Amino acid sequence: MDPTRVRVQWHSTPRRYFKESPIAHVTRRRYYLSFGPTLLACTGTQVCVMHFYYLLFAARGKKTPEEQFEKHCLHNSYKYYWDYECNEPLVASSKLTATSSRVDRGPENAKLYGEWAFNVSNWVPTEEEILAASSYIQPEEKERISKFVFKNDAKSALIGRLMIRNFIKISTCISYEEITLGRDELGKPILTNSNNHNPHFNISHQGDFVVLIGDIENEVGIDIMKIEPPANKNIPEFFRLMRRQFSPKEWENIYTFHREAEQMESFYRHWCLKESYVKNIGIGLRVNLAEISFDVKTPKLKVGQIVTDTNLYVKNVLQEGWVFEETLLDEKHAIAIACHPNEKSQWFPSLYTFITFEELIKEAKPINAPDDDFKNKFMKMLIKTF
């Protein structure tokens, strides 16, 4: 993987060790690493010791990365550790390692988060890609995907399974070949051979994208919706049919906008919030959705801007501790994540990493032989045009 952002979190209370500088700016419990021709931002908890051989330091040829960090360190007696690797498969392309001198800040205690997006509409798979993918997923997964009529749906399902397996490998260090996925009583994918690892993850696909949210400590739910007019219905009629699914407060939020296009955008935003919440708590859509009501503080979502100020009410009672992370993935796709961080962790919003098929299978290992029958069925599926 070559993501644009990686997040690592330690349990213990952070302390500042770097001054703000063109090289590094350290803030509490979080760092960002931006890949590209220059280092855009790097923030960390206590001290994240990083090898930036991939980035600008080596290109400048003036000082080694160690000397650059030494110059900007407030504690010159601090002992650097350059031998540990933290979630190395995720950042292998960047030659990055991150750790600390304290025992409880070692890589084994780091917490990995994943927020990934894959544009399935832009992906036109080749026979070679599907044949390779058939060797990376379990037989029952192939059987389920083969039952789809439309290739659009099969692509989304296949990418979703590959994303889950990739996240589990990266976040737990379980080898790809040993990952075994099953389903719980509600049909939700779970890791069945956890070996004391319990990663939480959730997938959603609709419109042009498949998205994943993953977290080591906290249950998570995610939903994405394409913002488009309802099929075969005008918007007032569509809203009439959906009246019972939203609370009066939510309809008030939706009708705040006068243009129907903006009303639809607000409608799908509220729907994403509801779905992300029920997927998090594992009850599906078997509840009275009107009793799950969201009070939206920020009127409109924007691409590249994360909103976390929405409040949840269940049966008119405010639900404390919930975080809802919302954004527009692009101008046509609303997305929401639901999380209730436990007392030992915090939740830090982050923009999504857009990944390619090549990046997705970079760490994959065959778990069975390539399947020509699966490939042939997949390639013959119909293309959905509606």
Protein backbone atom coordinates (compact mmCIF):
# COMPACT_ATOMS: atom_id res chain seq x y z
CA MET A 1 0.00 0.00 0.00
CA ASP A 2 1.09 3.55 -0.64
CA PRO A 3 -1.53 5.57 1.22
CA THR A 4 -1.52 9.31 1.46
CA ARG A 5 -2.18 9.23 5.17
CA VAL A 6 -1.50 6.88 8.04
CA ARG A 7 -2.66 7.29 11.62
CA VAL A 8 -1.02 5.78 14.68
CA GLN A 9 -2.19 6.20 18.26
CA TRP A 10 -0.67 5.15 21.58
CA HIS A 11 -2.53 4.63 24.86
CA SER A 12 -0.39 6.79 27.13
CA THR A 13 -0.63 10.54 27.46
CA PRO A 14 1.40 12.33 24.78
CA ARG A 15 4.02 14.97 25.41
CA ARG A 16 5.50 17.45 22.99
CA TYR A 17 9.01 16.75 21.77
CA PHE A 18 9.39 18.67 18.53
CA LYS A 19 9.10 22.35 17.84
CA GLU A 20 7.09 23.50 14.89
CA SER A 21 9.37 23.59 11.89
CA PRO A 22 9.32 23.08 8.12
CA ILE A 23 10.25 19.48 8.85
CA ALA A 24 7.90 18.42 11.60
CA HIS A 25 5.04 19.72 13.66
CA VAL A 26 4.04 17.50 16.55
CA THR A 27 0.54 17.53 17.97
CA ARG A 28 -1.23 15.29 20.41
CA ARG A 29 -1.81 11.59 19.72
CA ARG A 30 -1.63 11.71 15.96
CA TYR A 31 0.54 12.03 12.92
CA TYR A 32 0.01 12.52 9.23
CA LEU A 33 2.49 11.62 6.57
CA SER A 34 1.97 13.04 3.13
CA PHE A 35 3.63 11.22 0.25
CA GLY A 36 4.92 13.19 -2.67
CA PRO A 37 7.85 15.32 -3.76
CA THR A 38 7.91 17.17 -0.43
CA LEU A 39 6.99 16.49 3.15
CA LEU A 40 3.77 18.41 3.68
CA ALA A 41 2.90 17.59 7.29
CA CYS A 42 4.09 15.27 9.98
CA THR A 43 2.60 15.19 13.44
CA GLY A 44 3.14 12.58 16.11
CA THR A 45 2.68 11.38 19.66
CA GLN A 46 5.69 11.81 21.95
CA VAL A 47 8.29 11.10 19.29
CA CYS A 48 7.71 9.26 16.05
CA VAL A 49 11.13 8.40 14.64
CA MET A 50 10.80 8.26 10.88
CA HIS A 51 13.02 7.25 8.00
CA PHE A 52 12.29 9.67 5.20
CA TYR A 53 14.63 8.12 2.67
CA TYR A 54 11.71 8.15 0.25
CA LEU A 55 11.11 11.86 0.68
CA LEU A 56 12.88 15.16 0.33
CA PHE A 57 15.67 14.72 2.86
CA ALA A 58 17.71 12.34 0.78
CA ALA A 59 17.13 14.47 -2.30
CA ARG A 60 18.56 17.55 -0.59
CA GLY A 61 21.76 15.71 0.21
CA LYS A 62 22.60 18.08 3.09
CA LYS A 63 21.89 16.10 6.22
CA THR A 64 20.71 12.64 7.13
CA PRO A 65 17.16 12.26 8.46
CA GLU A 66 18.64 11.56 11.90
CA GLU A 67 20.48 14.88 11.90
CA GLN A 68 17.38 16.72 10.72
CA PHE A 69 15.32 15.38 13.62
CA GLU A 70 18.18 15.85 16.08
CA LYS A 71 18.37 19.52 15.18
CA HIS A 72 14.70 20.08 15.95
CA CYS A 73 14.42 17.92 19.05
CA LEU A 74 13.88 19.66 22.39
CA HIS A 75 15.46 16.78 24.31
CA ASN A 76 18.95 16.22 22.95
CA SER A 77 19.51 13.36 25.35
CA TYR A 78 16.61 11.49 23.88
CA LYS A 79 17.70 8.11 22.50
CA TYR A 80 16.44 7.32 19.04
CA TYR A 81 15.44 3.82 18.00
CA TRP A 82 15.81 3.14 14.32
CA ASP A 83 15.33 -0.61 14.32
CA TYR A 84 11.63 -1.02 15.04
CA GLU A 85 8.96 -1.15 12.40
CA CYS A 86 5.38 -0.07 12.93
CA ASN A 87 2.69 -1.44 10.62
CA GLU A 88 5.46 -1.80 8.07
CA PRO A 89 3.38 -3.40 5.29
CA LEU A 90 1.16 -0.34 5.11
CA VAL A 91 3.96 2.11 4.61
CA ALA A 92 6.58 -0.05 2.96
CA SER A 93 6.63 2.13 -0.11
CA SER A 94 7.62 5.15 1.94
CA LYS A 95 10.45 3.47 3.88
CA LEU A 96 8.79 4.74 7.05
CA THR A 97 9.23 3.42 10.57
CA ALA A 98 7.72 4.96 13.66
CA THR A 99 8.29 4.20 17.34
CA SER A 100 9.41 5.67 20.66
CA SER A 101 11.84 5.03 23.50
CA ARG A 102 9.08 4.18 25.95
CA VAL A 103 8.00 0.56 26.21
CA ASP A 104 4.30 1.35 25.95
CA ARG A 105 4.93 3.45 22.84
CA GLY A 106 6.44 0.63 20.83
CA PRO A 107 4.98 -0.49 17.51
CA GLU A 108 3.20 -3.41 19.15
CA ASN A 109 0.99 -0.88 20.98
CA ALA A 110 0.24 1.31 17.98
CA LYS A 111 -3.34 1.50 16.81
CA LEU A 112 -4.03 1.51 13.11
CA TYR A 113 -7.02 3.05 11.43
CA GLY A 114 -8.08 2.65 7.84
CA GLU A 115 -10.40 4.81 5.75
CA TRP A 116 -10.13 3.61 2.17
CA ALA A 117 -12.10 4.31 -0.99
CA PHE A 118 -12.00 2.44 -4.30
CA ASN A 119 -13.65 3.76 -7.45
CA VAL A 120 -15.21 0.63 -8.96
CA SER A 121 -16.81 2.56 -11.82
CA ASN A 122 -13.40 3.55 -13.14
CA TRP A 123 -12.00 0.04 -12.74
CA VAL A 124 -12.29 -2.06 -15.89
CA PRO A 125 -10.86 -5.39 -14.74
CA THR A 126 -8.85 -7.54 -17.09
CA GLU A 127 -9.10 -11.31 -17.22
CA GLU A 128 -5.67 -11.51 -15.62
CA GLU A 129 -6.79 -9.32 -12.69
CA ILE A 130 -9.92 -11.38 -12.04
CA LEU A 131 -7.98 -14.63 -12.31
CA ALA A 132 -5.44 -13.36 -9.80
CA ALA A 133 -8.17 -12.06 -7.49
CA SER A 134 -9.85 -15.46 -7.54
CA SER A 135 -6.81 -16.90 -5.78
CA TYR A 136 -6.89 -14.25 -3.02
CA ILE A 137 -10.39 -14.94 -1.65
CA GLN A 138 -12.03 -17.92 0.01
CA PRO A 139 -14.10 -20.46 -2.03
CA GLU A 140 -17.40 -19.43 -0.39
CA GLU A 141 -16.65 -15.81 -1.24
CA LYS A 142 -16.12 -16.72 -4.89
CA GLU A 143 -19.37 -18.67 -4.90
CA ARG A 144 -21.31 -15.74 -3.49
CA ILE A 145 -19.80 -13.26 -5.96
CA SER A 146 -20.49 -15.62 -8.88
CA LYS A 147 -24.24 -15.45 -8.15
CA PHE A 148 -24.49 -11.77 -9.06
CA VAL A 149 -26.23 -10.99 -12.33
CA PHE A 150 -24.52 -7.67 -12.93
CA LYS A 151 -20.78 -7.15 -13.13
CA ASN A 152 -21.11 -3.82 -11.31
CA ASP A 153 -22.32 -5.61 -8.17
CA ALA A 154 -19.74 -8.38 -8.52
CA LYS A 155 -16.92 -5.84 -8.80
CA SER A 156 -18.05 -4.09 -5.62
CA ALA A 157 -18.34 -7.36 -3.70
CA LEU A 158 -14.93 -8.55 -4.86
CA ILE A 159 -13.19 -5.28 -4.01
CA GLY A 160 -14.91 -5.25 -0.62
CA ARG A 161 -13.53 -8.68 0.27
CA LEU A 162 -10.03 -7.73 -0.87
CA MET A 163 -10.18 -4.52 1.17
CA ILE A 164 -11.21 -6.43 4.31
CA ARG A 165 -8.46 -9.00 3.92
CA ASN A 166 -5.88 -6.31 3.27
CA PHE A 167 -6.91 -4.31 6.32
CA ILE A 168 -6.78 -7.38 8.57
CA LYS A 169 -3.32 -8.30 7.33
CA ILE A 170 -1.98 -4.82 7.84
CA SER A 171 -3.58 -4.17 11.22
CA THR A 172 -3.04 -7.56 12.89
CA CYS A 173 0.10 -8.89 11.18
CA ILE A 174 -1.74 -12.17 10.56
CA SER A 175 -0.30 -13.57 7.36
CA TYR A 176 -2.58 -13.23 4.35
CA GLU A 177 -2.84 -16.99 3.88
CA GLU A 178 -4.02 -17.50 7.47
CA ILE A 179 -6.87 -14.98 7.39
CA THR A 180 -10.23 -16.75 7.57
CA LEU A 181 -13.39 -14.74 7.19
CA GLY A 182 -16.84 -15.82 8.25
CA ARG A 183 -20.16 -14.13 8.97
CA ASP A 184 -22.03 -13.50 12.18
CA GLU A 185 -25.72 -14.18 12.74
CA LEU A 186 -26.61 -10.97 10.90
CA GLY A 187 -24.39 -11.77 7.93
CA LYS A 188 -21.68 -9.27 8.85
CA PRO A 189 -18.14 -10.34 7.82
CA ILE A 190 -15.93 -11.25 10.79
CA LEU A 191 -12.44 -12.62 11.35
CA THR A 192 -12.88 -16.17 12.65
CA ASN A 193 -9.26 -17.02 13.46
CA SER A 194 -8.45 -13.90 15.43
CA ASN A 195 -5.51 -15.26 17.48
CA ASN A 196 -6.18 -12.62 20.15
CA HIS A 197 -6.70 -9.98 17.47
CA ASN A 198 -10.12 -8.41 17.13
CA PRO A 199 -10.05 -5.86 14.32
CA HIS A 200 -13.27 -4.00 13.64
CA PHE A 201 -14.16 -3.15 10.08
CA ASN A 202 -17.12 -2.28 7.94
CA ILE A 203 -17.71 -2.02 4.20
CA SER A 204 -20.21 -0.04 2.16
CA HIS A 205 -20.66 0.24 -1.58
CA GLN A 206 -23.10 2.29 -3.59
CA GLY A 207 -22.78 4.38 -6.69
CA ASP A 208 -19.20 4.58 -7.92
CA PHE A 209 -17.34 3.59 -4.75
CA VAL A 210 -16.55 0.86 -2.29
CA VAL A 211 -15.40 2.23 1.08
CA LEU A 212 -13.90 0.63 4.17
CA ILE A 213 -13.50 1.82 7.73
CA GLY A 214 -11.27 -0.21 10.02
CA ASP A 215 -10.27 0.19 13.65
CA ILE A 216 -8.41 -2.05 16.07
CA GLU A 217 -10.22 -1.02 19.24
CA ASN A 218 -13.68 0.30 18.44
CA GLU A 219 -16.75 -0.95 16.64
CA VAL A 220 -17.32 1.06 13.48
CA GLY A 221 -20.04 1.49 10.90
CA ILE A 222 -19.89 3.17 7.52
CA ASP A 223 -22.31 4.03 4.76
CA ILE A 224 -22.01 5.74 1.40
CA MET A 225 -24.82 6.93 -0.85
CA LYS A 226 -24.78 8.39 -4.32
CA ILE A 227 -26.67 11.68 -4.42
CA GLU A 228 -29.07 11.34 -7.33
CA PRO A 229 -32.78 11.79 -8.03
CA PRO A 230 -35.01 8.82 -7.13
CA ALA A 231 -35.72 6.41 -9.95
CA ASN A 232 -39.22 6.58 -11.48
CA LYS A 233 -40.52 9.03 -8.88
CA ASN A 234 -40.55 12.76 -8.42
CA ILE A 235 -38.92 14.04 -5.25
CA PRO A 236 -42.11 15.07 -3.38
CA GLU A 237 -43.59 11.62 -3.97
CA PHE A 238 -40.35 9.95 -2.91
CA PHE A 239 -40.27 11.98 0.30
CA ARG A 240 -43.90 11.07 0.99
CA LEU A 241 -43.07 7.38 0.76
CA MET A 242 -40.05 7.80 3.05
CA ARG A 243 -41.88 9.99 5.56
CA ARG A 244 -41.97 7.35 8.32
CA GLN A 245 -38.21 6.70 8.16
CA PHE A 246 -37.21 10.13 9.46
CA SER A 247 -38.01 12.13 12.58
CA PRO A 248 -39.79 15.50 12.42
CA LYS A 249 -36.49 17.18 13.31
CA GLU A 250 -34.74 15.48 10.40
CA TRP A 251 -37.47 16.50 7.94
CA GLU A 252 -37.12 20.00 9.27
CA ASN A 253 -33.40 19.85 8.45
CA ILE A 254 -34.10 18.51 4.97
CA TYR A 255 -36.73 21.14 4.15
CA THR A 256 -34.43 23.92 5.33
CA PHE A 257 -33.24 23.90 1.72
CA HIS A 258 -35.53 25.25 -0.97
CA ARG A 259 -33.97 23.60 -4.00
CA GLU A 260 -34.93 19.95 -4.52
CA ALA A 261 -31.35 19.00 -5.38
CA GLU A 262 -30.17 20.28 -2.00
CA GLN A 263 -33.05 18.52 -0.27
CA MET A 264 -31.95 15.22 -1.85
CA GLU A 265 -28.39 15.85 -0.72
CA SER A 266 -29.59 16.41 2.83
CA PHE A 267 -31.83 13.33 2.61
CA TYR A 268 -28.95 11.05 1.61
CA ARG A 269 -26.75 12.59 4.27
CA HIS A 270 -29.28 11.67 6.97
CA TRP A 271 -29.68 8.20 5.48
CA CYS A 272 -25.93 7.63 5.65
CA LEU A 273 -25.92 8.65 9.30
CA LYS A 274 -28.72 6.21 10.14
CA GLU A 275 -27.11 3.33 8.26
CA SER A 276 -23.68 3.92 9.76
CA TYR A 277 -25.18 3.86 13.26
CA VAL A 278 -27.26 0.70 12.86
CA LYS A 279 -24.35 -1.05 11.16
CA ASN A 280 -22.12 -0.10 14.07
CA ILE A 281 -24.45 -1.52 16.73
CA GLY A 282 -25.27 -4.52 14.56
CA ILE A 283 -29.05 -4.37 14.38
CA GLY A 284 -29.50 -3.70 10.69
CA LEU A 285 -32.57 -1.81 9.52
CA ARG A 286 -34.96 -3.79 11.72
CA VAL A 287 -35.61 -0.85 14.03
CA ASN A 288 -37.91 2.14 13.83
CA LEU A 289 -35.61 4.52 12.01
CA ALA A 290 -37.69 7.53 12.98
CA GLU A 291 -36.65 6.90 16.61
CA ILE A 292 -33.02 7.33 15.55
CA SER A 293 -32.75 11.05 14.92
CA PHE A 294 -29.78 13.17 13.98
CA ASP A 295 -29.38 16.85 14.80
CA VAL A 296 -27.16 18.26 12.06
CA LYS A 297 -25.18 21.33 13.10
CA THR A 298 -23.21 21.94 9.90
CA PRO A 299 -25.83 22.56 7.19
CA LYS A 300 -23.90 21.26 4.17
CA LEU A 301 -21.09 18.82 3.55
CA LYS A 302 -18.15 19.67 1.31
CA VAL A 303 -15.54 17.63 -0.53
CA GLY A 304 -12.32 17.56 1.47
CA GLN A 305 -13.98 18.81 4.66
CA ILE A 306 -14.78 16.52 7.60
CA VAL A 307 -17.73 17.26 9.86
CA THR A 308 -18.02 15.75 13.36
CA ASP A 309 -20.54 17.99 15.13
CA THR A 310 -23.71 16.01 14.44
CA ASN A 311 -25.57 14.73 17.51
CA LEU A 312 -27.56 11.50 17.85
CA TYR A 313 -30.88 11.16 19.66
CA VAL A 314 -32.61 7.82 20.24
CA LYS A 315 -36.20 8.12 21.38
CA ASN A 316 -35.51 11.83 22.01
CA VAL A 317 -32.59 11.09 24.36
CA LEU A 318 -29.15 12.46 23.47
CA GLN A 319 -26.62 9.64 23.06
CA GLU A 320 -23.34 10.75 24.61
CA GLY A 321 -19.93 9.70 23.34
CA TRP A 322 -20.84 8.98 19.73
CA VAL A 323 -18.71 10.41 16.91
CA PHE A 324 -20.12 10.73 13.41
CA GLU A 325 -17.57 11.57 10.78
CA GLU A 326 -19.15 12.96 7.62
CA THR A 327 -17.90 14.24 4.30
CA LEU A 328 -18.50 14.21 0.57
CA LEU A 329 -16.20 11.73 -1.13
CA ASP A 330 -16.86 13.68 -4.30
CA GLU A 331 -19.68 15.98 -5.38
CA LYS A 332 -22.04 13.02 -5.83
CA HIS A 333 -21.28 10.72 -2.88
CA ALA A 334 -22.13 11.36 0.78
CA ILE A 335 -20.41 9.23 3.39
CA ALA A 336 -20.72 8.79 7.17
CA ILE A 337 -18.83 6.83 9.81
CA ALA A 338 -20.24 5.98 13.23
CA CYS A 339 -17.98 5.23 16.19
CA HIS A 340 -18.34 5.22 19.97
CA PRO A 341 -14.69 5.34 21.14
CA ASN A 342 -13.99 3.42 24.32
CA GLU A 343 -12.43 5.10 27.35
CA LYS A 344 -8.91 4.03 26.37
CA SER A 345 -8.98 5.48 22.89
CA GLN A 346 -9.80 8.59 20.94
CA TRP A 347 -11.14 9.10 17.45
CA PHE A 348 -9.30 11.30 15.00
CA PRO A 349 -11.07 12.22 11.75
CA SER A 350 -9.15 11.71 8.54
CA LEU A 351 -9.77 12.08 4.84
CA TYR A 352 -10.06 8.93 2.78
CA THR A 353 -7.21 7.24 0.97
CA PHE A 354 -8.13 6.42 -2.63
CA ILE A 355 -6.55 3.13 -3.60
CA THR A 356 -6.03 1.26 -6.85
CA PHE A 357 -6.35 -2.43 -7.62
CA GLU A 358 -2.58 -2.74 -7.82
CA GLU A 359 -2.20 -1.24 -4.34
CA LEU A 360 -5.00 -3.40 -3.00
CA ILE A 361 -3.38 -6.69 -3.99
CA LYS A 362 0.20 -5.66 -3.34
CA GLU A 363 0.31 -7.58 -0.04
CA ALA A 364 -2.02 -10.37 -1.19
CA LYS A 365 -0.91 -13.99 -1.25
CA PRO A 366 -2.70 -16.85 -3.04
CA ILE A 367 -4.83 -18.96 -0.71
CA ASN A 368 -6.04 -21.25 -3.50
CA ALA A 369 -5.36 -21.89 -7.16
CA PRO A 370 -6.52 -19.34 -9.77
CA ASP A 371 -10.08 -20.19 -10.83
CA ASP A 372 -10.80 -20.08 -14.56
CA ASP A 373 -14.48 -20.85 -14.07
CA PHE A 374 -14.86 -17.90 -11.69
CA LYS A 375 -13.01 -15.67 -14.13
CA ASN A 376 -15.17 -16.73 -17.07
CA LYS A 377 -18.44 -16.23 -15.18
CA PHE A 378 -17.28 -12.85 -13.95
CA MET A 379 -16.27 -11.57 -17.37
CA LYS A 380 -19.59 -12.67 -18.92
CA MET A 381 -21.76 -10.81 -16.41
CA LEU A 382 -24.05 -8.07 -17.65
CA ILE A 383 -23.23 -4.39 -17.23
CA LYS A 384 -25.85 -2.45 -15.29
CA THR A 385 -26.80 0.69 -17.18
CA PHE A 386 -29.49 2.07 -14.89
